[in-house]
Amino acid sequence: MKFFVFLFIAAVSTVSSFTDSFSMMPLLQRQYSPSASSSVFKSNSSSASQTHRASTTALEMSDFDFPSAMPEKPQQTMREKLEDSATTFIADITARLGEGVEPPPELEALQAARDEEGGDVPTLALKIYELMIEQGMRYDVDPDNGKLTPTQFDIKNNLDIPEVKAEFDHLYKYGMELIRRGMLDIDVAKETVKE
């Protein structure tokens, strides 16, 4: 029983000391408040508004707003996007060809399609797809330096190998996406893959 009385007294004293310190808070705030108001509430709200004004003044932007001064990025047409992709792909293949390795004829065909004035989207998409197929079917990638060398691997007789399956899966999905977006005709895609 004495133990419970002790806990009760300890709890009451803790609560009373908490409430005493809580009731002292406005007095301490008023003491350091720049306004000399008689009301604690008024003093605190005045102090808060002055603090708010000071902090917002410090964080305000200048009259010259940098993000709005930048011109908007121009919207590219599908043809322009494909031209950029073709340029990047051509540069990548050219840089990765091993020493003495001839570029595939599809690389030159892609360059010609990209550089053709007034060329259409389906032709450019097809040329990119053909070069992707040639890269996957005719070249090996050196795992150490990323260089492309002609493959000695018989792909047609090794279609069950996981790496070959993964390459075909990637090419298939890319072709299907071109068809879905209307950039490549399904019959043209089938004929390209067969060749």
Protein backbone atom coordinates (compact mmCIF):
# COMPACT_ATOMS: atom_id res chain seq x y z
CA MET A 1 0.00 0.00 0.00
CA LYS A 2 2.81 2.41 0.85
CA PHE A 3 4.26 1.74 -2.57
CA PHE A 4 1.03 2.81 -4.33
CA VAL A 5 0.86 5.98 -2.23
CA PHE A 6 4.42 6.76 -3.19
CA LEU A 7 3.62 6.28 -6.91
CA PHE A 8 0.56 8.50 -6.60
CA ILE A 9 2.53 11.31 -4.90
CA ALA A 10 5.32 11.01 -7.47
CA ALA A 11 2.82 11.18 -10.32
CA VAL A 12 1.05 14.24 -8.86
CA SER A 13 4.31 16.09 -8.29
CA THR A 14 5.45 15.30 -11.83
CA VAL A 15 2.18 16.58 -13.27
CA SER A 16 2.21 19.71 -11.10
CA SER A 17 5.83 20.49 -12.00
CA PHE A 18 4.96 19.95 -15.68
CA THR A 19 1.95 22.27 -15.46
CA ASP A 20 3.97 24.84 -13.49
CA SER A 21 6.66 24.90 -16.15
CA PHE A 22 3.98 24.96 -18.85
CA SER A 23 2.28 27.98 -17.24
CA MET A 24 5.66 29.70 -17.02
CA MET A 25 6.26 29.46 -20.77
CA PRO A 26 4.24 32.55 -21.79
CA LEU A 27 5.98 34.59 -19.11
CA LEU A 28 9.37 33.60 -20.47
CA GLN A 29 8.26 34.36 -24.00
CA ARG A 30 6.88 37.75 -22.93
CA GLN A 31 10.14 38.58 -21.22
CA TYR A 32 12.10 38.12 -24.47
CA SER A 33 9.37 39.45 -26.76
CA PRO A 34 10.19 42.71 -28.57
CA SER A 35 6.67 44.08 -28.02
CA ALA A 36 5.72 45.35 -24.58
CA SER A 37 2.12 44.23 -24.58
CA SER A 38 0.31 43.47 -21.37
CA SER A 39 -1.46 40.45 -22.80
CA VAL A 40 0.56 37.28 -23.01
CA PHE A 41 -1.45 36.02 -25.97
CA LYS A 42 -1.19 39.32 -27.80
CA SER A 43 2.52 39.47 -27.05
CA ASN A 44 3.08 35.99 -28.43
CA SER A 45 1.04 36.55 -31.59
CA SER A 46 2.76 39.87 -32.25
CA SER A 47 6.13 38.25 -31.81
CA ALA A 48 5.14 35.41 -34.11
CA SER A 49 3.96 37.77 -36.84
CA GLN A 50 7.18 39.79 -36.64
CA THR A 51 9.20 36.60 -36.80
CA HIS A 52 7.09 35.43 -39.75
CA ARG A 53 7.64 38.73 -41.58
CA ALA A 54 11.35 38.61 -40.96
CA SER A 55 11.67 35.03 -42.15
CA THR A 56 9.57 35.56 -45.29
CA THR A 57 11.51 38.69 -46.16
CA ALA A 58 14.74 36.72 -45.93
CA LEU A 59 13.39 33.95 -48.17
CA GLU A 60 11.74 36.07 -50.85
CA MET A 61 13.05 35.84 -54.38
CA SER A 62 14.30 38.90 -56.17
CA ASP A 63 12.18 40.62 -58.78
CA PHE A 64 14.05 38.66 -61.43
CA ASP A 65 12.76 35.10 -61.22
CA PHE A 66 15.42 32.80 -62.75
CA PRO A 67 13.25 29.81 -63.70
CA SER A 68 10.83 31.97 -65.70
CA ALA A 69 13.72 33.72 -67.46
CA MET A 70 14.77 30.45 -69.09
CA PRO A 71 13.13 29.76 -72.44
CA GLU A 72 10.96 26.68 -72.59
CA LYS A 73 12.55 23.62 -74.12
CA PRO A 74 11.24 23.31 -77.66
CA GLN A 75 8.98 20.36 -78.33
CA GLN A 76 10.50 17.92 -80.78
CA THR A 77 8.57 16.20 -83.51
CA MET A 78 8.77 12.42 -83.75
CA ARG A 79 11.08 12.83 -86.74
CA GLU A 80 13.45 15.03 -84.68
CA LYS A 81 13.43 12.55 -81.80
CA LEU A 82 14.28 9.71 -84.17
CA GLU A 83 17.03 11.79 -85.80
CA ASP A 84 18.58 12.37 -82.36
CA SER A 85 18.30 8.66 -81.54
CA ALA A 86 19.84 7.76 -84.89
CA THR A 87 22.73 10.17 -84.37
CA THR A 88 23.44 8.74 -80.93
CA PHE A 89 23.19 5.16 -82.20
CA ILE A 90 25.49 5.84 -85.17
CA ALA A 91 28.08 7.47 -82.91
CA ASP A 92 27.86 4.58 -80.44
CA ILE A 93 28.30 1.86 -83.06
CA THR A 94 31.12 3.75 -84.80
CA ALA A 95 33.00 4.29 -81.52
CA ARG A 96 32.58 0.69 -80.42
CA LEU A 97 33.71 -1.04 -83.63
CA GLY A 98 36.88 -2.96 -82.94
CA GLU A 99 40.10 -2.11 -84.74
CA GLY A 100 39.84 -3.03 -88.41
CA VAL A 101 36.17 -4.04 -88.14
CA GLU A 102 34.08 -2.78 -91.03
CA PRO A 103 30.82 -1.04 -90.18
CA PRO A 104 27.71 -2.89 -91.28
CA PRO A 105 25.92 -1.59 -94.40
CA GLU A 106 22.90 -0.81 -92.21
CA LEU A 107 24.94 1.93 -90.51
CA GLU A 108 25.35 3.78 -93.80
CA ALA A 109 21.67 3.21 -94.63
CA LEU A 110 20.69 4.75 -91.28
CA GLN A 111 22.96 7.75 -91.89
CA ALA A 112 21.37 8.27 -95.31
CA ALA A 113 17.83 8.02 -93.89
CA ARG A 114 18.68 10.44 -91.10
CA ASP A 115 20.27 12.97 -93.45
CA GLU A 116 17.53 12.73 -96.08
CA GLU A 117 15.64 16.00 -96.31
CA GLY A 118 11.93 15.45 -95.75
CA GLY A 119 12.37 11.77 -94.90
CA ASP A 120 9.52 10.03 -93.15
CA VAL A 121 9.28 8.56 -89.66
CA PRO A 122 8.60 4.93 -90.72
CA THR A 123 11.76 4.80 -92.87
CA LEU A 124 13.95 6.20 -90.11
CA ALA A 125 12.39 3.88 -87.50
CA LEU A 126 12.93 0.90 -89.82
CA LYS A 127 16.60 1.78 -90.42
CA ILE A 128 17.25 2.07 -86.67
CA TYR A 129 15.56 -1.30 -86.13
CA GLU A 130 17.59 -2.95 -88.92
CA LEU A 131 20.85 -1.70 -87.39
CA MET A 132 19.77 -2.98 -83.98
CA ILE A 133 19.13 -6.42 -85.49
CA GLU A 134 22.49 -6.45 -87.26
CA GLN A 135 24.33 -5.45 -84.13
CA GLY A 136 22.66 -8.23 -82.15
CA MET A 137 23.07 -10.90 -84.82
CA ARG A 138 26.48 -10.17 -86.31
CA TYR A 139 28.64 -8.75 -83.54
CA ASP A 140 29.96 -9.86 -80.20
CA VAL A 141 30.54 -7.34 -77.45
CA ASP A 142 33.87 -7.58 -75.64
CA PRO A 143 32.95 -7.65 -71.91
CA ASP A 144 36.17 -5.82 -70.96
CA ASN A 145 36.02 -2.79 -73.26
CA GLY A 146 32.62 -2.94 -74.99
CA LYS A 147 34.16 -3.19 -78.47
CA LEU A 148 32.20 -4.88 -81.25
CA THR A 149 33.81 -7.67 -83.23
CA PRO A 150 32.28 -9.98 -85.84
CA THR A 151 30.72 -12.98 -84.17
CA GLN A 152 31.87 -16.52 -84.83
CA PHE A 153 28.80 -17.83 -83.03
CA ASP A 154 26.16 -19.78 -84.97
CA ILE A 155 23.02 -18.07 -83.70
CA LYS A 156 20.53 -20.02 -85.83
CA ASN A 157 21.64 -23.32 -84.32
CA ASN A 158 21.82 -22.02 -80.75
CA LEU A 159 18.46 -20.35 -80.20
CA ASP A 160 17.99 -22.09 -76.84
CA ILE A 161 20.91 -20.30 -75.15
CA PRO A 162 19.65 -17.73 -72.59
CA GLU A 163 21.76 -14.85 -73.99
CA VAL A 164 20.42 -15.47 -77.50
CA LYS A 165 16.87 -15.66 -76.18
CA ALA A 166 17.36 -12.40 -74.29
CA GLU A 167 18.65 -10.64 -77.41
CA PHE A 168 15.73 -11.87 -79.52
CA ASP A 169 13.30 -10.91 -76.76
CA HIS A 170 14.71 -7.37 -76.69
CA LEU A 171 14.53 -7.03 -80.47
CA TYR A 172 11.01 -8.46 -80.56
CA LYS A 173 9.75 -6.05 -77.88
CA TYR A 174 11.39 -3.08 -79.60
CA GLY A 175 9.76 -4.02 -82.90
CA MET A 176 6.37 -4.50 -81.27
CA GLU A 177 6.64 -1.09 -79.63
CA LEU A 178 7.40 0.50 -83.03
CA ILE A 179 4.33 -1.23 -84.46
CA ARG A 180 2.16 -0.20 -81.50
CA ARG A 181 3.17 3.45 -81.94
CA GLY A 182 2.40 3.34 -85.65
CA MET A 183 6.01 3.95 -86.68
CA LEU A 184 6.43 0.59 -88.38
CA ASP A 185 4.04 -1.53 -90.41
CA ILE A 186 3.59 -5.06 -89.10
CA ASP A 187 4.30 -6.68 -92.49
CA VAL A 188 7.48 -4.62 -92.92
CA ALA A 189 8.60 -5.64 -89.42
CA LYS A 190 7.99 -9.34 -90.18
CA GLU A 191 9.94 -9.13 -93.43
CA THR A 192 12.82 -7.31 -91.72
CA VAL A 193 13.12 -9.92 -89.00
CA LYS A 194 13.05 -12.79 -91.52
CA GLU A 195 15.92 -11.31 -93.51
